[in-house]
Amino acid sequence: MRNKILLAIAFAMVLTGCGDLFGPDKEGWKNSQKNEFLTILKTDKYMSLCDQKPLYEQVKSSKNSRLMTKLLLAYANNL
């Protein structure tokens, strides 16, 4: 019974994003952070991406952390 409860708690943490089991990647990004940033970019009504649209498309399809960092810096500079 105790094992089932612990398993249920661990499963709930993984589903909610509270327990990123593998931690951040080499660039420091967690999967939840990547998804949040892509959601922000998708709903950006002020087009702060400017001339970074090709890079955004690349990041969106690959979720490459290095490219995502480059895009984040460009995005922040355009705000």
PDB file of N, CA and C in Angstrom:
ATOM      1  N   MET A   1       0.826  -1.196   0.000  1.00  0.00           N
ATOM      2  CA  MET A   1       0.000   0.000   0.000  1.00  0.00           C
ATOM      3  C   MET A   1       0.874   1.266   0.000  1.00  0.00           C
ATOM      4  N   ARG A   2       1.908   1.260   0.821  1.00  0.00           N
ATOM      5  CA  ARG A   2       2.792   2.426   0.923  1.00  0.00           C
ATOM      6  C   ARG A   2       3.491   2.688  -0.410  1.00  0.00           C
ATOM      7  N   ASN A   3       3.906   1.616  -1.075  1.00  0.00           N
ATOM      8  CA  ASN A   3       4.570   1.766  -2.369  1.00  0.00           C
ATOM      9  C   ASN A   3       3.640   2.375  -3.408  1.00  0.00           C
ATOM     10  N   LYS A   4       2.377   1.999  -3.358  1.00  0.00           N
ATOM     11  CA  LYS A   4       1.405   2.543  -4.311  1.00  0.00           C
ATOM     12  C   LYS A   4       1.215   4.041  -4.097  1.00  0.00           C
ATOM     13  N   ILE A   5       1.192   4.450  -2.855  1.00  0.00           N
ATOM     14  CA  ILE A   5       1.028   5.872  -2.542  1.00  0.00           C
ATOM     15  C   ILE A   5       2.242   6.661  -3.027  1.00  0.00           C
ATOM     16  N   LEU A   6       3.440   6.146  -2.760  1.00  0.00           N
ATOM     17  CA  LEU A   6       4.659   6.822  -3.215  1.00  0.00           C
ATOM     18  C   LEU A   6       4.722   6.877  -4.734  1.00  0.00           C
ATOM     19  N   LEU A   7       4.320   5.810  -5.373  1.00  0.00           N
ATOM     20  CA  LEU A   7       4.299   5.776  -6.830  1.00  0.00           C
ATOM     21  C   LEU A   7       3.291   6.783  -7.380  1.00  0.00           C
ATOM     22  N   ALA A   8       2.135   6.893  -6.749  1.00  0.00           N
ATOM     23  CA  ALA A   8       1.120   7.854  -7.182  1.00  0.00           C
ATOM     24  C   ALA A   8       1.614   9.290  -7.016  1.00  0.00           C
ATOM     25  N   ILE A   9       2.308   9.572  -5.932  1.00  0.00           N
ATOM     26  CA  ILE A   9       2.850  10.915  -5.705  1.00  0.00           C
ATOM     27  C   ILE A   9       3.915  11.242  -6.746  1.00  0.00           C
ATOM     28  N   ALA A  10       4.806  10.291  -7.002  1.00  0.00           N
ATOM     29  CA  ALA A  10       5.854  10.515  -8.007  1.00  0.00           C
ATOM     30  C   ALA A  10       5.244  10.723  -9.387  1.00  0.00           C
ATOM     31  N   PHE A  11       4.244   9.944  -9.714  1.00  0.00           N
ATOM     32  CA  PHE A  11       3.572  10.071 -11.009  1.00  0.00           C
ATOM     33  C   PHE A  11       2.894  11.435 -11.136  1.00  0.00           C
ATOM     34  N   ALA A  12       2.251  11.886 -10.061  1.00  0.00           N
ATOM     35  CA  ALA A  12       1.591  13.194 -10.073  1.00  0.00           C
ATOM     36  C   ALA A  12       2.612  14.318 -10.240  1.00  0.00           C
ATOM     37  N   MET A  13       3.772  14.184  -9.615  1.00  0.00           N
ATOM     38  CA  MET A  13       4.810  15.208  -9.751  1.00  0.00           C
ATOM     39  C   MET A  13       5.313  15.293 -11.187  1.00  0.00           C
ATOM     40  N   VAL A  14       5.485  14.158 -11.813  1.00  0.00           N
ATOM     41  CA  VAL A  14       5.954  14.143 -13.196  1.00  0.00           C
ATOM     42  C   VAL A  14       4.908  14.759 -14.110  1.00  0.00           C
ATOM     43  N   LEU A  15       3.645  14.424 -13.900  1.00  0.00           N
ATOM     44  CA  LEU A  15       2.576  14.958 -14.747  1.00  0.00           C
ATOM     45  C   LEU A  15       2.401  16.462 -14.604  1.00  0.00           C
ATOM     46  N   THR A  16       2.594  16.979 -13.418  1.00  0.00           N
ATOM     47  CA  THR A  16       2.401  18.411 -13.202  1.00  0.00           C
ATOM     48  C   THR A  16       3.645  19.227 -13.500  1.00  0.00           C
ATOM     49  N   GLY A  17       4.751  18.579 -13.749  1.00  0.00           N
ATOM     50  CA  GLY A  17       5.980  19.307 -14.052  1.00  0.00           C
ATOM     51  C   GLY A  17       6.771  19.689 -12.819  1.00  0.00           C
ATOM     52  N   CYS A  18       6.312  19.287 -11.649  1.00  0.00           N
ATOM     53  CA  CYS A  18       7.025  19.632 -10.416  1.00  0.00           C
ATOM     54  C   CYS A  18       8.294  18.820 -10.246  1.00  0.00           C
ATOM     55  N   GLY A  19       8.346  17.684 -10.825  1.00  0.00           N
ATOM     56  CA  GLY A  19       9.517  16.831 -10.659  1.00  0.00           C
ATOM     57  C   GLY A  19      10.214  16.598 -11.978  1.00  0.00           C
ATOM     58  N   ASP A  20      10.998  17.549 -12.406  1.00  0.00           N
ATOM     59  CA  ASP A  20      11.764  17.360 -13.634  1.00  0.00           C
ATOM     60  C   ASP A  20      12.900  16.401 -13.281  1.00  0.00           C
ATOM     61  N   LEU A  21      12.672  15.132 -13.563  1.00  0.00           N
ATOM     62  CA  LEU A  21      13.542  14.069 -13.079  1.00  0.00           C
ATOM     63  C   LEU A  21      14.992  14.207 -13.509  1.00  0.00           C
ATOM     64  N   PHE A  22      15.225  14.729 -14.685  1.00  0.00           N
ATOM     65  CA  PHE A  22      16.581  14.798 -15.185  1.00  0.00           C
ATOM     66  C   PHE A  22      17.199  16.178 -15.017  1.00  0.00           C
ATOM     67  N   GLY A  23      16.471  17.103 -14.452  1.00  0.00           N
ATOM     68  CA  GLY A  23      16.983  18.445 -14.230  1.00  0.00           C
ATOM     69  C   GLY A  23      17.164  19.203 -15.531  1.00  0.00           C
ATOM     70  N   PRO A  24      17.808  20.349 -15.462  1.00  0.00           N
ATOM     71  CA  PRO A  24      18.026  21.141 -16.678  1.00  0.00           C
ATOM     72  C   PRO A  24      19.065  20.492 -17.591  1.00  0.00           C
ATOM     73  N   ASP A  25      19.006  20.856 -18.871  1.00  0.00           N
ATOM     74  CA  ASP A  25      19.983  20.339 -19.831  1.00  0.00           C
ATOM     75  C   ASP A  25      21.278  21.149 -19.757  1.00  0.00           C
ATOM     76  N   LYS A  26      22.183  20.944 -20.699  1.00  0.00           N
ATOM     77  CA  LYS A  26      23.493  21.616 -20.668  1.00  0.00           C
ATOM     78  C   LYS A  26      23.375  23.132 -20.726  1.00  0.00           C
ATOM     79  N   GLU A  27      22.349  23.622 -21.378  1.00  0.00           N
ATOM     80  CA  GLU A  27      22.159  25.070 -21.497  1.00  0.00           C
ATOM     81  C   GLU A  27      21.382  25.648 -20.315  1.00  0.00           C
ATOM     82  N   GLY A  28      20.915  24.788 -19.412  1.00  0.00           N
ATOM     83  CA  GLY A  28      20.195  25.253 -18.234  1.00  0.00           C
ATOM     84  C   GLY A  28      18.686  25.289 -18.387  1.00  0.00           C
ATOM     85  N   TRP A  29      18.155  24.734 -19.464  1.00  0.00           N
ATOM     86  CA  TRP A  29      16.714  24.742 -19.718  1.00  0.00           C
ATOM     87  C   TRP A  29      16.063  23.465 -19.195  1.00  0.00           C
ATOM     88  N   LYS A  30      14.945  23.625 -18.484  1.00  0.00           N
ATOM     89  CA  LYS A  30      14.091  22.493 -18.138  1.00  0.00           C
ATOM     90  C   LYS A  30      13.040  22.372 -19.237  1.00  0.00           C
ATOM     91  N   ASN A  31      12.464  21.195 -19.379  1.00  0.00           N
ATOM     92  CA  ASN A  31      11.422  21.005 -20.391  1.00  0.00           C
ATOM     93  C   ASN A  31      10.245  21.939 -20.167  1.00  0.00           C
ATOM     94  N   SER A  32       9.877  22.144 -18.909  1.00  0.00           N
ATOM     95  CA  SER A  32       8.749  23.026 -18.612  1.00  0.00           C
ATOM     96  C   SER A  32       9.065  24.466 -19.023  1.00  0.00           C
ATOM     97  N   GLN A  33      10.313  24.894 -18.849  1.00  0.00           N
ATOM     98  CA  GLN A  33      10.704  26.247 -19.251  1.00  0.00           C
ATOM     99  C   GLN A  33      10.663  26.399 -20.764  1.00  0.00           C
ATOM    100  N   LYS A  34      11.106  25.374 -21.469  1.00  0.00           N
ATOM    101  CA  LYS A  34      11.058  25.413 -22.931  1.00  0.00           C
ATOM    102  C   LYS A  34       9.622  25.566 -23.408  1.00  0.00           C
ATOM    103  N   ASN A  35       8.732  24.759 -22.835  1.00  0.00           N
ATOM    104  CA  ASN A  35       7.328  24.821 -23.242  1.00  0.00           C
ATOM    105  C   ASN A  35       6.701  26.171 -22.908  1.00  0.00           C
ATOM    106  N   GLU A  36       7.030  26.722 -21.742  1.00  0.00           N
ATOM    107  CA  GLU A  36       6.494  28.031 -21.359  1.00  0.00           C
ATOM    108  C   GLU A  36       6.987  29.124 -22.303  1.00  0.00           C
ATOM    109  N   PHE A  37       8.264  29.098 -22.647  1.00  0.00           N
ATOM    110  CA  PHE A  37       8.819  30.115 -23.543  1.00  0.00           C
ATOM    111  C   PHE A  37       8.181  30.018 -24.927  1.00  0.00           C
ATOM    112  N   LEU A  38       8.010  28.806 -25.423  1.00  0.00           N
ATOM    113  CA  LEU A  38       7.370  28.637 -26.731  1.00  0.00           C
ATOM    114  C   LEU A  38       5.919  29.108 -26.703  1.00  0.00           C
ATOM    115  N   THR A  39       5.235  28.904 -25.581  1.00  0.00           N
ATOM    116  CA  THR A  39       3.860  29.395 -25.444  1.00  0.00           C
ATOM    117  C   THR A  39       3.834  30.920 -25.453  1.00  0.00           C
ATOM    118  N   ILE A  40       4.776  31.536 -24.761  1.00  0.00           N
ATOM    119  CA  ILE A  40       4.867  33.000 -24.753  1.00  0.00           C
ATOM    120  C   ILE A  40       5.086  33.517 -26.165  1.00  0.00           C
ATOM    121  N   LEU A  41       5.998  32.892 -26.884  1.00  0.00           N
ATOM    122  CA  LEU A  41       6.288  33.334 -28.251  1.00  0.00           C
ATOM    123  C   LEU A  41       5.090  33.136 -29.169  1.00  0.00           C
ATOM    124  N   LYS A  42       4.370  32.045 -28.964  1.00  0.00           N
ATOM    125  CA  LYS A  42       3.222  31.750 -29.815  1.00  0.00           C
ATOM    126  C   LYS A  42       2.107  32.782 -29.619  1.00  0.00           C
ATOM    127  N   THR A  43       1.972  33.290 -28.402  1.00  0.00           N
ATOM    128  CA  THR A  43       0.888  34.223 -28.101  1.00  0.00           C
ATOM    129  C   THR A  43       1.343  35.682 -28.088  1.00  0.00           C
ATOM    130  N   ASP A  44       2.562  35.961 -28.513  1.00  0.00           N
ATOM    131  CA  ASP A  44       3.105  37.320 -28.503  1.00  0.00           C
ATOM    132  C   ASP A  44       2.390  38.176 -29.550  1.00  0.00           C
ATOM    133  N   LYS A  45       1.553  39.099 -29.087  1.00  0.00           N
ATOM    134  CA  LYS A  45       0.802  39.926 -30.036  1.00  0.00           C
ATOM    135  C   LYS A  45       1.557  41.184 -30.449  1.00  0.00           C
ATOM    136  N   TYR A  46       2.714  41.432 -29.850  1.00  0.00           N
ATOM    137  CA  TYR A  46       3.488  42.621 -30.201  1.00  0.00           C
ATOM    138  C   TYR A  46       4.628  42.305 -31.161  1.00  0.00           C
ATOM    139  N   MET A  47       4.739  41.056 -31.568  1.00  0.00           N
ATOM    140  CA  MET A  47       5.758  40.608 -32.522  1.00  0.00           C
ATOM    141  C   MET A  47       7.164  41.041 -32.102  1.00  0.00           C
ATOM    142  N   SER A  48       7.507  40.769 -30.872  1.00  0.00           N
ATOM    143  CA  SER A  48       8.842  41.096 -30.375  1.00  0.00           C
ATOM    144  C   SER A  48       9.913  40.225 -31.010  1.00  0.00           C
ATOM    145  N   LEU A  49       9.493  39.254 -31.816  1.00  0.00           N
ATOM    146  CA  LEU A  49      10.462  38.414 -32.525  1.00  0.00           C
ATOM    147  C   LEU A  49      11.149  39.181 -33.643  1.00  0.00           C
ATOM    148  N   CYS A  50      10.470  40.165 -34.204  1.00  0.00           N
ATOM    149  CA  CYS A  50      10.989  40.981 -35.298  1.00  0.00           C
ATOM    150  C   CYS A  50      11.594  40.119 -36.400  1.00  0.00           C
ATOM    151  N   ASP A  51      12.882  40.259 -36.628  1.00  0.00           N
ATOM    152  CA  ASP A  51      13.520  39.535 -37.730  1.00  0.00           C
ATOM    153  C   ASP A  51      14.008  38.145 -37.315  1.00  0.00           C
ATOM    154  N   GLN A  52      13.543  37.641 -36.201  1.00  0.00           N
ATOM    155  CA  GLN A  52      13.977  36.335 -35.700  1.00  0.00           C
ATOM    156  C   GLN A  52      13.006  35.205 -36.056  1.00  0.00           C
ATOM    157  N   LYS A  53      12.094  35.461 -36.984  1.00  0.00           N
ATOM    158  CA  LYS A  53      11.085  34.460 -37.343  1.00  0.00           C
ATOM    159  C   LYS A  53      11.707  33.142 -37.828  1.00  0.00           C
ATOM    160  N   PRO A  54      12.749  33.154 -38.692  1.00  0.00           N
ATOM    161  CA  PRO A  54      13.355  31.874 -39.100  1.00  0.00           C
ATOM    162  C   PRO A  54      13.953  31.098 -37.913  1.00  0.00           C
ATOM    163  N   LEU A  55      14.583  31.830 -36.992  1.00  0.00           N
ATOM    164  CA  LEU A  55      15.142  31.184 -35.804  1.00  0.00           C
ATOM    165  C   LEU A  55      14.023  30.606 -34.944  1.00  0.00           C
ATOM    166  N   TYR A  56      12.922  31.345 -34.823  1.00  0.00           N
ATOM    167  CA  TYR A  56      11.765  30.858 -34.065  1.00  0.00           C
ATOM    168  C   TYR A  56      11.236  29.562 -34.666  1.00  0.00           C
ATOM    169  N   GLU A  57      11.112  29.505 -35.977  1.00  0.00           N
ATOM    170  CA  GLU A  57      10.620  28.294 -36.643  1.00  0.00           C
ATOM    171  C   GLU A  57      11.564  27.120 -36.389  1.00  0.00           C
ATOM    172  N   GLN A  58      12.858  27.391 -36.392  1.00  0.00           N
ATOM    173  CA  GLN A  58      13.852  26.352 -36.123  1.00  0.00           C
ATOM    174  C   GLN A  58      13.722  25.838 -34.691  1.00  0.00           C
ATOM    175  N   VAL A  59      13.577  26.754 -33.754  1.00  0.00           N
ATOM    176  CA  VAL A  59      13.443  26.383 -32.345  1.00  0.00           C
ATOM    177  C   VAL A  59      12.150  25.612 -32.123  1.00  0.00           C
ATOM    178  N   LYS A  60      11.086  26.077 -32.743  1.00  0.00           N
ATOM    179  CA  LYS A  60       9.783  25.438 -32.568  1.00  0.00           C
ATOM    180  C   LYS A  60       9.810  23.982 -33.030  1.00  0.00           C
ATOM    181  N   SER A  61      10.513  23.714 -34.106  1.00  0.00           N
ATOM    182  CA  SER A  61      10.533  22.348 -34.628  1.00  0.00           C
ATOM    183  C   SER A  61      11.553  21.453 -33.925  1.00  0.00           C
ATOM    184  N   SER A  62      12.632  22.036 -33.395  1.00  0.00           N
ATOM    185  CA  SER A  62      13.690  21.193 -32.825  1.00  0.00           C
ATOM    186  C   SER A  62      13.780  21.247 -31.301  1.00  0.00           C
ATOM    187  N   LYS A  63      13.315  22.341 -30.692  1.00  0.00           N
ATOM    188  CA  LYS A  63      13.471  22.587 -29.253  1.00  0.00           C
ATOM    189  C   LYS A  63      14.943  22.504 -28.833  1.00  0.00           C
ATOM    190  N   ASN A  64      15.837  22.926 -29.722  1.00  0.00           N
ATOM    191  CA  ASN A  64      17.272  22.940 -29.456  1.00  0.00           C
ATOM    192  C   ASN A  64      17.570  24.009 -28.409  1.00  0.00           C
ATOM    193  N   SER A  65      18.193  23.614 -27.316  1.00  0.00           N
ATOM    194  CA  SER A  65      18.430  24.528 -26.196  1.00  0.00           C
ATOM    195  C   SER A  65      19.360  25.677 -26.553  1.00  0.00           C
ATOM    196  N   ARG A  66      20.380  25.401 -27.329  1.00  0.00           N
ATOM    197  CA  ARG A  66      21.326  26.462 -27.703  1.00  0.00           C
ATOM    198  C   ARG A  66      20.625  27.520 -28.559  1.00  0.00           C
ATOM    199  N   LEU A  67      19.822  27.067 -29.525  1.00  0.00           N
ATOM    200  CA  LEU A  67      19.077  28.007 -30.363  1.00  0.00           C
ATOM    201  C   LEU A  67      18.023  28.747 -29.551  1.00  0.00           C
ATOM    202  N   MET A  68      17.418  28.041 -28.580  1.00  0.00           N
ATOM    203  CA  MET A  68      16.403  28.665 -27.744  1.00  0.00           C
ATOM    204  C   MET A  68      17.018  29.780 -26.900  1.00  0.00           C
ATOM    205  N   THR A  69      18.230  29.577 -26.407  1.00  0.00           N
ATOM    206  CA  THR A  69      18.921  30.612 -25.643  1.00  0.00           C
ATOM    207  C   THR A  69      19.197  31.828 -26.521  1.00  0.00           C
ATOM    208  N   LYS A  70      19.647  31.570 -27.737  1.00  0.00           N
ATOM    209  CA  LYS A  70      19.906  32.659 -28.685  1.00  0.00           C
ATOM    210  C   LYS A  70      18.620  33.440 -28.975  1.00  0.00           C
ATOM    211  N   LEU A  71      17.521  32.717 -29.145  1.00  0.00           N
ATOM    212  CA  LEU A  71      16.235  33.360 -29.406  1.00  0.00           C
ATOM    213  C   LEU A  71      15.754  34.146 -28.193  1.00  0.00           C
ATOM    214  N   LEU A  72      15.943  33.607 -27.005  1.00  0.00           N
ATOM    215  CA  LEU A  72      15.540  34.310 -25.784  1.00  0.00           C
ATOM    216  C   LEU A  72      16.283  35.632 -25.652  1.00  0.00           C
ATOM    217  N   LEU A  73      17.578  35.633 -25.922  1.00  0.00           N
ATOM    218  CA  LEU A  73      18.361  36.870 -25.839  1.00  0.00           C
ATOM    219  C   LEU A  73      17.885  37.896 -26.869  1.00  0.00           C
ATOM    220  N   ALA A  74      17.633  37.453 -28.091  1.00  0.00           N
ATOM    221  CA  ALA A  74      17.145  38.362 -29.130  1.00  0.00           C
ATOM    222  C   ALA A  74      15.760  38.888 -28.771  1.00  0.00           C
ATOM    223  N   TYR A  75      14.922  38.017 -28.245  1.00  0.00           N
ATOM    224  CA  TYR A  75      13.563  38.396 -27.851  1.00  0.00           C
ATOM    225  C   TYR A  75      13.600  39.441 -26.733  1.00  0.00           C
ATOM    226  N   ALA A  76      14.438  39.207 -25.729  1.00  0.00           N
ATOM    227  CA  ALA A  76      14.537  40.144 -24.608  1.00  0.00           C
ATOM    228  C   ALA A  76      15.076  41.498 -25.062  1.00  0.00           C
ATOM    229  N   ASN A  77      16.005  41.504 -25.997  1.00  0.00           N
ATOM    230  CA  ASN A  77      16.542  42.767 -26.504  1.00  0.00           C
ATOM    231  C   ASN A  77      15.503  43.563 -27.285  1.00  0.00           C
ATOM    232  N   ASN A  78      14.538  42.876 -27.883  1.00  0.00           N
ATOM    233  CA  ASN A  78      13.510  43.554 -28.673  1.00  0.00           C
ATOM    234  C   ASN A  78      12.331  44.044 -27.843  1.00  0.00           C
ATOM    235  N   LEU A  79      12.265  43.643 -26.579  1.00  0.00           N
ATOM    236  CA  LEU A  79      11.126  44.063 -25.747  1.00  0.00           C
ATOM    237  C   LEU A  79      11.198  45.532 -25.403  1.00  0.00           C
TER     238      LEU A  79
END
